[in-house]
Amino acid sequence: MSAKPAKRKAPSPAPAHSAAAASTAPAMPTEAAAPSWLDSVDPRKRMWGKIALVVLWLYVAALWLLALDQSFSWGIFGPKVPPIP
């Protein structure tokens, strides 16, 4: 091994950009984003997306109904009082 430290190349300064070059560069990539399931041309994707939303809404509605049932003792999801042993 050499006792001398290796010389490192200094980083070169970034080239200065002109105002004209900066104004012609696009700010965003030109690639179009993939369409959502709602805008998809495939009818199966739209159908499955709608089914998933309906299932999610039903699940949330059932949770709210269960919470209200337990809060106000309506007896929707079971008897209002526990059975006597």
PDB file of N, CA and C in Angstrom:
ATOM      1  N   MET A   1       0.829  -1.169   0.000  1.00  0.00           N
ATOM      2  CA  MET A   1       0.000   0.000   0.000  1.00  0.00           C
ATOM      3  C   MET A   1       0.876   1.236   0.000  1.00  0.00           C
ATOM      4  N   SER A   2       0.408   2.232  -0.644  1.00  0.00           N
ATOM      5  CA  SER A   2       1.142   3.475  -0.751  1.00  0.00           C
ATOM      6  C   SER A   2       0.819   4.366   0.438  1.00  0.00           C
ATOM      7  N   ALA A   3       1.818   5.086   0.896  1.00  0.00           N
ATOM      8  CA  ALA A   3       1.635   5.989   2.018  1.00  0.00           C
ATOM      9  C   ALA A   3       1.041   7.315   1.556  1.00  0.00           C
ATOM     10  N   LYS A   4       1.102   7.579   0.258  1.00  0.00           N
ATOM     11  CA  LYS A   4       0.565   8.839  -0.260  1.00  0.00           C
ATOM     12  C   LYS A   4      -0.955   8.740  -0.380  1.00  0.00           C
ATOM     13  N   PRO A   5      -1.647   9.775   0.024  1.00  0.00           N
ATOM     14  CA  PRO A   5      -3.104   9.758  -0.181  1.00  0.00           C
ATOM     15  C   PRO A   5      -3.413   9.952  -1.656  1.00  0.00           C
ATOM     16  N   ALA A   6      -4.476   9.336  -2.100  1.00  0.00           N
ATOM     17  CA  ALA A   6      -4.875   9.435  -3.502  1.00  0.00           C
ATOM     18  C   ALA A   6      -5.451  10.813  -3.765  1.00  0.00           C
ATOM     19  N   LYS A   7      -5.091  11.369  -4.917  1.00  0.00           N
ATOM     20  CA  LYS A   7      -5.615  12.675  -5.278  1.00  0.00           C
ATOM     21  C   LYS A   7      -7.017  12.488  -5.846  1.00  0.00           C
ATOM     22  N   ARG A   8      -7.922  13.321  -5.405  1.00  0.00           N
ATOM     23  CA  ARG A   8      -9.286  13.242  -5.893  1.00  0.00           C
ATOM     24  C   ARG A   8      -9.553  14.425  -6.799  1.00  0.00           C
ATOM     25  N   LYS A   9     -10.304  14.158  -7.822  1.00  0.00           N
ATOM     26  CA  LYS A   9     -10.651  15.195  -8.769  1.00  0.00           C
ATOM     27  C   LYS A   9     -11.746  16.071  -8.170  1.00  0.00           C
ATOM     28  N   ALA A  10     -11.552  17.373  -8.242  1.00  0.00           N
ATOM     29  CA  ALA A  10     -12.541  18.304  -7.715  1.00  0.00           C
ATOM     30  C   ALA A  10     -13.761  18.295  -8.626  1.00  0.00           C
ATOM     31  N   PRO A  11     -14.964  18.364  -8.047  1.00  0.00           N
ATOM     32  CA  PRO A  11     -16.172  18.371  -8.887  1.00  0.00           C
ATOM     33  C   PRO A  11     -16.213  19.647  -9.726  1.00  0.00           C
ATOM     34  N   SER A  12     -16.600  19.476 -10.966  1.00  0.00           N
ATOM     35  CA  SER A  12     -16.666  20.629 -11.856  1.00  0.00           C
ATOM     36  C   SER A  12     -17.932  21.418 -11.561  1.00  0.00           C
ATOM     37  N   PRO A  13     -17.890  22.735 -11.687  1.00  0.00           N
ATOM     38  CA  PRO A  13     -19.089  23.529 -11.403  1.00  0.00           C
ATOM     39  C   PRO A  13     -20.164  23.254 -12.448  1.00  0.00           C
ATOM     40  N   ALA A  14     -21.406  23.369 -12.021  1.00  0.00           N
ATOM     41  CA  ALA A  14     -22.532  23.114 -12.923  1.00  0.00           C
ATOM     42  C   ALA A  14     -22.595  24.218 -13.965  1.00  0.00           C
ATOM     43  N   PRO A  15     -22.906  23.883 -15.212  1.00  0.00           N
ATOM     44  CA  PRO A  15     -22.975  24.920 -16.234  1.00  0.00           C
ATOM     45  C   PRO A  15     -24.157  25.859 -15.962  1.00  0.00           C
ATOM     46  N   ALA A  16     -23.916  27.123 -16.287  1.00  0.00           N
ATOM     47  CA  ALA A  16     -24.963  28.127 -16.078  1.00  0.00           C
ATOM     48  C   ALA A  16     -26.013  27.981 -17.175  1.00  0.00           C
ATOM     49  N   HIS A  17     -27.279  27.990 -16.776  1.00  0.00           N
ATOM     50  CA  HIS A  17     -28.372  27.877 -17.747  1.00  0.00           C
ATOM     51  C   HIS A  17     -28.877  29.271 -18.086  1.00  0.00           C
ATOM     52  N   SER A  18     -29.182  29.453 -19.323  1.00  0.00           N
ATOM     53  CA  SER A  18     -29.741  30.741 -19.724  1.00  0.00           C
ATOM     54  C   SER A  18     -31.237  30.753 -19.441  1.00  0.00           C
ATOM     55  N   ALA A  19     -31.821  31.926 -19.407  1.00  0.00           N
ATOM     56  CA  ALA A  19     -33.247  32.063 -19.137  1.00  0.00           C
ATOM     57  C   ALA A  19     -34.074  31.467 -20.268  1.00  0.00           C
ATOM     58  N   ALA A  20     -33.583  31.529 -21.488  1.00  0.00           N
ATOM     59  CA  ALA A  20     -34.316  30.983 -22.629  1.00  0.00           C
ATOM     60  C   ALA A  20     -34.359  29.465 -22.568  1.00  0.00           C
ATOM     61  N   ALA A  21     -33.259  28.853 -22.138  1.00  0.00           N
ATOM     62  CA  ALA A  21     -33.227  27.392 -22.057  1.00  0.00           C
ATOM     63  C   ALA A  21     -34.140  26.897 -20.938  1.00  0.00           C
ATOM     64  N   ALA A  22     -34.221  27.649 -19.848  1.00  0.00           N
ATOM     65  CA  ALA A  22     -35.063  27.237 -18.724  1.00  0.00           C
ATOM     66  C   ALA A  22     -36.543  27.355 -19.073  1.00  0.00           C
ATOM     67  N   SER A  23     -36.905  28.314 -19.907  1.00  0.00           N
ATOM     68  CA  SER A  23     -38.319  28.490 -20.212  1.00  0.00           C
ATOM     69  C   SER A  23     -38.825  27.450 -21.207  1.00  0.00           C
ATOM     70  N   THR A  24     -37.933  26.841 -21.984  1.00  0.00           N
ATOM     71  CA  THR A  24     -38.375  25.848 -22.956  1.00  0.00           C
ATOM     72  C   THR A  24     -38.442  24.446 -22.372  1.00  0.00           C
ATOM     73  N   ALA A  25     -37.840  24.214 -21.217  1.00  0.00           N
ATOM     74  CA  ALA A  25     -37.844  22.878 -20.613  1.00  0.00           C
ATOM     75  C   ALA A  25     -39.215  22.622 -19.974  1.00  0.00           C
ATOM     76  N   PRO A  26     -39.786  21.434 -20.183  1.00  0.00           N
ATOM     77  CA  PRO A  26     -41.083  21.143 -19.562  1.00  0.00           C
ATOM     78  C   PRO A  26     -40.925  20.946 -18.061  1.00  0.00           C
ATOM     79  N   ALA A  27     -41.909  21.412 -17.311  1.00  0.00           N
ATOM     80  CA  ALA A  27     -41.863  21.305 -15.859  1.00  0.00           C
ATOM     81  C   ALA A  27     -42.228  19.901 -15.400  1.00  0.00           C
ATOM     82  N   MET A  28     -43.081  19.234 -16.131  1.00  0.00           N
ATOM     83  CA  MET A  28     -43.537  17.900 -15.756  1.00  0.00           C
ATOM     84  C   MET A  28     -43.176  16.920 -16.866  1.00  0.00           C
ATOM     85  N   PRO A  29     -43.055  15.648 -16.541  1.00  0.00           N
ATOM     86  CA  PRO A  29     -42.804  14.672 -17.594  1.00  0.00           C
ATOM     87  C   PRO A  29     -43.973  14.642 -18.582  1.00  0.00           C
ATOM     88  N   THR A  30     -43.670  14.346 -19.824  1.00  0.00           N
ATOM     89  CA  THR A  30     -44.718  14.362 -20.843  1.00  0.00           C
ATOM     90  C   THR A  30     -45.521  13.075 -20.870  1.00  0.00           C
ATOM     91  N   GLU A  31     -45.116  12.093 -20.102  1.00  0.00           N
ATOM     92  CA  GLU A  31     -45.824  10.824 -20.075  1.00  0.00           C
ATOM     93  C   GLU A  31     -47.177  11.001 -19.397  1.00  0.00           C
ATOM     94  N   ALA A  32     -48.220  10.477 -19.994  1.00  0.00           N
ATOM     95  CA  ALA A  32     -49.558  10.598 -19.423  1.00  0.00           C
ATOM     96  C   ALA A  32     -49.728   9.579 -18.295  1.00  0.00           C
ATOM     97  N   ALA A  33     -50.414   9.987 -17.256  1.00  0.00           N
ATOM     98  CA  ALA A  33     -50.665   9.095 -16.130  1.00  0.00           C
ATOM     99  C   ALA A  33     -51.704   8.053 -16.536  1.00  0.00           C
ATOM    100  N   ALA A  34     -51.632   6.900 -15.895  1.00  0.00           N
ATOM    101  CA  ALA A  34     -52.597   5.834 -16.181  1.00  0.00           C
ATOM    102  C   ALA A  34     -53.976   6.272 -15.720  1.00  0.00           C
ATOM    103  N   PRO A  35     -55.016   5.974 -16.475  1.00  0.00           N
ATOM    104  CA  PRO A  35     -56.367   6.402 -16.067  1.00  0.00           C
ATOM    105  C   PRO A  35     -56.831   5.616 -14.841  1.00  0.00           C
ATOM    106  N   SER A  36     -57.683   6.244 -14.071  1.00  0.00           N
ATOM    107  CA  SER A  36     -58.213   5.560 -12.898  1.00  0.00           C
ATOM    108  C   SER A  36     -59.210   4.497 -13.361  1.00  0.00           C
ATOM    109  N   TRP A  37     -59.660   3.679 -12.441  1.00  0.00           N
ATOM    110  CA  TRP A  37     -60.592   2.614 -12.809  1.00  0.00           C
ATOM    111  C   TRP A  37     -61.909   3.209 -13.287  1.00  0.00           C
ATOM    112  N   LEU A  38     -62.234   4.406 -12.814  1.00  0.00           N
ATOM    113  CA  LEU A  38     -63.487   5.033 -13.203  1.00  0.00           C
ATOM    114  C   LEU A  38     -63.456   5.512 -14.652  1.00  0.00           C
ATOM    115  N   ASP A  39     -62.281   5.925 -15.125  1.00  0.00           N
ATOM    116  CA  ASP A  39     -62.127   6.406 -16.499  1.00  0.00           C
ATOM    117  C   ASP A  39     -61.594   5.340 -17.440  1.00  0.00           C
ATOM    118  N   SER A  40     -61.469   4.121 -16.963  1.00  0.00           N
ATOM    119  CA  SER A  40     -60.892   3.053 -17.771  1.00  0.00           C
ATOM    120  C   SER A  40     -61.811   2.697 -18.941  1.00  0.00           C
ATOM    121  N   VAL A  41     -61.184   2.304 -20.046  1.00  0.00           N
ATOM    122  CA  VAL A  41     -61.982   1.872 -21.195  1.00  0.00           C
ATOM    123  C   VAL A  41     -62.428   0.425 -21.032  1.00  0.00           C
ATOM    124  N   ASP A  42     -61.799  -0.291 -20.104  1.00  0.00           N
ATOM    125  CA  ASP A  42     -62.159  -1.685 -19.855  1.00  0.00           C
ATOM    126  C   ASP A  42     -63.397  -1.725 -18.949  1.00  0.00           C
ATOM    127  N   PRO A  43     -64.535  -2.252 -19.428  1.00  0.00           N
ATOM    128  CA  PRO A  43     -65.743  -2.256 -18.584  1.00  0.00           C
ATOM    129  C   PRO A  43     -65.609  -3.151 -17.355  1.00  0.00           C
ATOM    130  N   ARG A  44     -64.745  -4.161 -17.423  1.00  0.00           N
ATOM    131  CA  ARG A  44     -64.567  -5.036 -16.252  1.00  0.00           C
ATOM    132  C   ARG A  44     -63.923  -4.274 -15.095  1.00  0.00           C
ATOM    133  N   LYS A  45     -62.933  -3.435 -15.396  1.00  0.00           N
ATOM    134  CA  LYS A  45     -62.280  -2.655 -14.342  1.00  0.00           C
ATOM    135  C   LYS A  45     -63.279  -1.700 -13.693  1.00  0.00           C
ATOM    136  N   ARG A  46     -64.120  -1.072 -14.505  1.00  0.00           N
ATOM    137  CA  ARG A  46     -65.124  -0.161 -13.955  1.00  0.00           C
ATOM    138  C   ARG A  46     -66.105  -0.924 -13.073  1.00  0.00           C
ATOM    139  N   MET A  47     -66.531  -2.116 -13.538  1.00  0.00           N
ATOM    140  CA  MET A  47     -67.488  -2.899 -12.763  1.00  0.00           C
ATOM    141  C   MET A  47     -66.880  -3.333 -11.433  1.00  0.00           C
ATOM    142  N   TRP A  48     -65.650  -3.850 -11.450  1.00  0.00           N
ATOM    143  CA  TRP A  48     -65.014  -4.313 -10.215  1.00  0.00           C
ATOM    144  C   TRP A  48     -64.733  -3.151  -9.266  1.00  0.00           C
ATOM    145  N   GLY A  49     -64.397  -1.998  -9.819  1.00  0.00           N
ATOM    146  CA  GLY A  49     -64.196  -0.829  -8.974  1.00  0.00           C
ATOM    147  C   GLY A  49     -65.479  -0.400  -8.298  1.00  0.00           C
ATOM    148  N   LYS A  50     -66.577  -0.410  -9.036  1.00  0.00           N
ATOM    149  CA  LYS A  50     -67.871  -0.043  -8.463  1.00  0.00           C
ATOM    150  C   LYS A  50     -68.312  -1.054  -7.415  1.00  0.00           C
ATOM    151  N   ILE A  51     -68.077  -2.335  -7.689  1.00  0.00           N
ATOM    152  CA  ILE A  51     -68.429  -3.373  -6.711  1.00  0.00           C
ATOM    153  C   ILE A  51     -67.619  -3.186  -5.431  1.00  0.00           C
ATOM    154  N   ALA A  52     -66.336  -2.871  -5.568  1.00  0.00           N
ATOM    155  CA  ALA A  52     -65.487  -2.663  -4.392  1.00  0.00           C
ATOM    156  C   ALA A  52     -65.984  -1.469  -3.576  1.00  0.00           C
ATOM    157  N   LEU A  53     -66.408  -0.399  -4.245  1.00  0.00           N
ATOM    158  CA  LEU A  53     -66.929   0.760  -3.515  1.00  0.00           C
ATOM    159  C   LEU A  53     -68.233   0.437  -2.798  1.00  0.00           C
ATOM    160  N   VAL A  54     -69.099  -0.327  -3.438  1.00  0.00           N
ATOM    161  CA  VAL A  54     -70.363  -0.703  -2.794  1.00  0.00           C
ATOM    162  C   VAL A  54     -70.101  -1.575  -1.569  1.00  0.00           C
ATOM    163  N   VAL A  55     -69.176  -2.513  -1.686  1.00  0.00           N
ATOM    164  CA  VAL A  55     -68.838  -3.377  -0.542  1.00  0.00           C
ATOM    165  C   VAL A  55     -68.258  -2.540   0.596  1.00  0.00           C
ATOM    166  N   LEU A  56     -67.408  -1.585   0.257  1.00  0.00           N
ATOM    167  CA  LEU A  56     -66.823  -0.721   1.282  1.00  0.00           C
ATOM    168  C   LEU A  56     -67.908   0.103   1.974  1.00  0.00           C
ATOM    169  N   TRP A  57     -68.837   0.672   1.208  1.00  0.00           N
ATOM    170  CA  TRP A  57     -69.925   1.449   1.798  1.00  0.00           C
ATOM    171  C   TRP A  57     -70.807   0.582   2.696  1.00  0.00           C
ATOM    172  N   LEU A  58     -71.104  -0.640   2.277  1.00  0.00           N
ATOM    173  CA  LEU A  58     -71.918  -1.537   3.107  1.00  0.00           C
ATOM    174  C   LEU A  58     -71.203  -1.898   4.405  1.00  0.00           C
ATOM    175  N   TYR A  59     -69.904  -2.119   4.320  1.00  0.00           N
ATOM    176  CA  TYR A  59     -69.119  -2.442   5.518  1.00  0.00           C
ATOM    177  C   TYR A  59     -69.142  -1.274   6.504  1.00  0.00           C
ATOM    178  N   VAL A  60     -68.913  -0.078   6.000  1.00  0.00           N
ATOM    179  CA  VAL A  60     -68.923   1.104   6.876  1.00  0.00           C
ATOM    180  C   VAL A  60     -70.314   1.318   7.465  1.00  0.00           C
ATOM    181  N   ALA A  61     -71.359   1.124   6.665  1.00  0.00           N
ATOM    182  CA  ALA A  61     -72.720   1.280   7.169  1.00  0.00           C
ATOM    183  C   ALA A  61     -73.018   0.256   8.259  1.00  0.00           C
ATOM    184  N   ALA A  62     -72.555  -0.984   8.080  1.00  0.00           N
ATOM    185  CA  ALA A  62     -72.784  -2.017   9.100  1.00  0.00           C
ATOM    186  C   ALA A  62     -72.045  -1.673  10.396  1.00  0.00           C
ATOM    187  N   LEU A  63     -70.844  -1.128  10.281  1.00  0.00           N
ATOM    188  CA  LEU A  63     -70.107  -0.740  11.488  1.00  0.00           C
ATOM    189  C   LEU A  63     -70.823   0.389  12.222  1.00  0.00           C
ATOM    190  N   TRP A  64     -71.331   1.370  11.487  1.00  0.00           N
ATOM    191  CA  TRP A  64     -72.072   2.455  12.120  1.00  0.00           C
ATOM    192  C   TRP A  64     -73.345   1.932  12.772  1.00  0.00           C
ATOM    193  N   LEU A  65     -74.030   1.048  12.095  1.00  0.00           N
ATOM    194  CA  LEU A  65     -75.257   0.500  12.658  1.00  0.00           C
ATOM    195  C   LEU A  65     -74.958  -0.316  13.917  1.00  0.00           C
ATOM    196  N   LEU A  66     -73.876  -1.066  13.904  1.00  0.00           N
ATOM    197  CA  LEU A  66     -73.486  -1.828  15.090  1.00  0.00           C
ATOM    198  C   LEU A  66     -73.142  -0.894  16.240  1.00  0.00           C
ATOM    199  N   ALA A  67     -72.426   0.179  15.951  1.00  0.00           N
ATOM    200  CA  ALA A  67     -72.077   1.134  17.004  1.00  0.00           C
ATOM    201  C   ALA A  67     -73.330   1.799  17.579  1.00  0.00           C
ATOM    202  N   LEU A  68     -74.256   2.178  16.707  1.00  0.00           N
ATOM    203  CA  LEU A  68     -75.497   2.783  17.194  1.00  0.00           C
ATOM    204  C   LEU A  68     -76.330   1.774  17.989  1.00  0.00           C
ATOM    205  N   ASP A  69     -76.351   0.526  17.551  1.00  0.00           N
ATOM    206  CA  ASP A  69     -77.096  -0.520  18.256  1.00  0.00           C
ATOM    207  C   ASP A  69     -76.534  -0.725  19.659  1.00  0.00           C
ATOM    208  N   GLN A  70     -75.214  -0.720  19.763  1.00  0.00           N
ATOM    209  CA  GLN A  70     -74.614  -0.921  21.083  1.00  0.00           C
ATOM    210  C   GLN A  70     -74.790   0.308  21.968  1.00  0.00           C
ATOM    211  N   SER A  71     -74.808   1.485  21.355  1.00  0.00           N
ATOM    212  CA  SER A  71     -74.950   2.708  22.145  1.00  0.00           C
ATOM    213  C   SER A  71     -76.373   2.873  22.686  1.00  0.00           C
ATOM    214  N   PHE A  72     -77.373   2.577  21.869  1.00  0.00           N
ATOM    215  CA  PHE A  72     -78.760   2.836  22.250  1.00  0.00           C
ATOM    216  C   PHE A  72     -79.555   1.576  22.578  1.00  0.00           C
ATOM    217  N   SER A  73     -78.916   0.419  22.563  1.00  0.00           N
ATOM    218  CA  SER A  73     -79.560  -0.863  22.918  1.00  0.00           C
ATOM    219  C   SER A  73     -80.828  -1.097  22.113  1.00  0.00           C
ATOM    220  N   TRP A  74     -80.732  -1.002  20.811  1.00  0.00           N
ATOM    221  CA  TRP A  74     -81.878  -1.215  19.931  1.00  0.00           C
ATOM    222  C   TRP A  74     -82.200  -2.696  19.753  1.00  0.00           C
ATOM    223  N   GLY A  75     -81.233  -3.588  19.923  1.00  0.00           N
ATOM    224  CA  GLY A  75     -81.471  -5.014  19.768  1.00  0.00           C
ATOM    225  C   GLY A  75     -81.439  -5.487  18.325  1.00  0.00           C
ATOM    226  N   ILE A  76     -80.791  -4.756  17.431  1.00  0.00           N
ATOM    227  CA  ILE A  76     -80.725  -5.150  16.020  1.00  0.00           C
ATOM    228  C   ILE A  76     -79.823  -6.364  15.850  1.00  0.00           C
ATOM    229  N   PHE A  77     -78.665  -6.353  16.499  1.00  0.00           N
ATOM    230  CA  PHE A  77     -77.681  -7.427  16.331  1.00  0.00           C
ATOM    231  C   PHE A  77     -77.708  -8.421  17.478  1.00  0.00           C
ATOM    232  N   GLY A  78     -78.779  -8.514  18.191  1.00  0.00           N
ATOM    233  CA  GLY A  78     -78.886  -9.465  19.276  1.00  0.00           C
ATOM    234  C   GLY A  78     -79.904  -8.979  20.292  1.00  0.00           C
ATOM    235  N   PRO A  79     -80.137  -9.770  21.307  1.00  0.00           N
ATOM    236  CA  PRO A  79     -81.122  -9.377  22.313  1.00  0.00           C
ATOM    237  C   PRO A  79     -80.652  -8.143  23.084  1.00  0.00           C
ATOM    238  N   LYS A  80     -81.661  -7.391  23.582  1.00  0.00           N
ATOM    239  CA  LYS A  80     -81.326  -6.178  24.324  1.00  0.00           C
ATOM    240  C   LYS A  80     -80.688  -6.498  25.671  1.00  0.00           C
ATOM    241  N   VAL A  81     -81.101  -7.562  26.264  1.00  0.00           N
ATOM    242  CA  VAL A  81     -80.517  -7.982  27.558  1.00  0.00           C
ATOM    243  C   VAL A  81     -79.899  -9.371  27.370  1.00  0.00           C
ATOM    244  N   PRO A  82     -78.799  -9.624  28.055  1.00  0.00           N
ATOM    245  CA  PRO A  82     -78.217 -10.965  27.934  1.00  0.00           C
ATOM    246  C   PRO A  82     -79.130 -12.015  28.544  1.00  0.00           C
ATOM    247  N   PRO A  83     -79.092 -13.248  28.046  1.00  0.00           N
ATOM    248  CA  PRO A  83     -79.958 -14.304  28.600  1.00  0.00           C
ATOM    249  C   PRO A  83     -79.571 -14.634  30.042  1.00  0.00           C
ATOM    250  N   ILE A  84     -80.570 -15.017  30.823  1.00  0.00           N
ATOM    251  CA  ILE A  84     -80.325 -15.381  32.228  1.00  0.00           C
ATOM    252  C   ILE A  84     -79.871 -16.844  32.243  1.00  0.00           C
ATOM    253  N   PRO A  85     -78.752 -17.127  32.923  1.00  0.00           N
ATOM    254  CA  PRO A  85     -78.248 -18.526  32.936  1.00  0.00           C
ATOM    255  C   PRO A  85     -79.077 -19.458  33.771  1.00  0.00           C
TER     256      PRO A  85
END
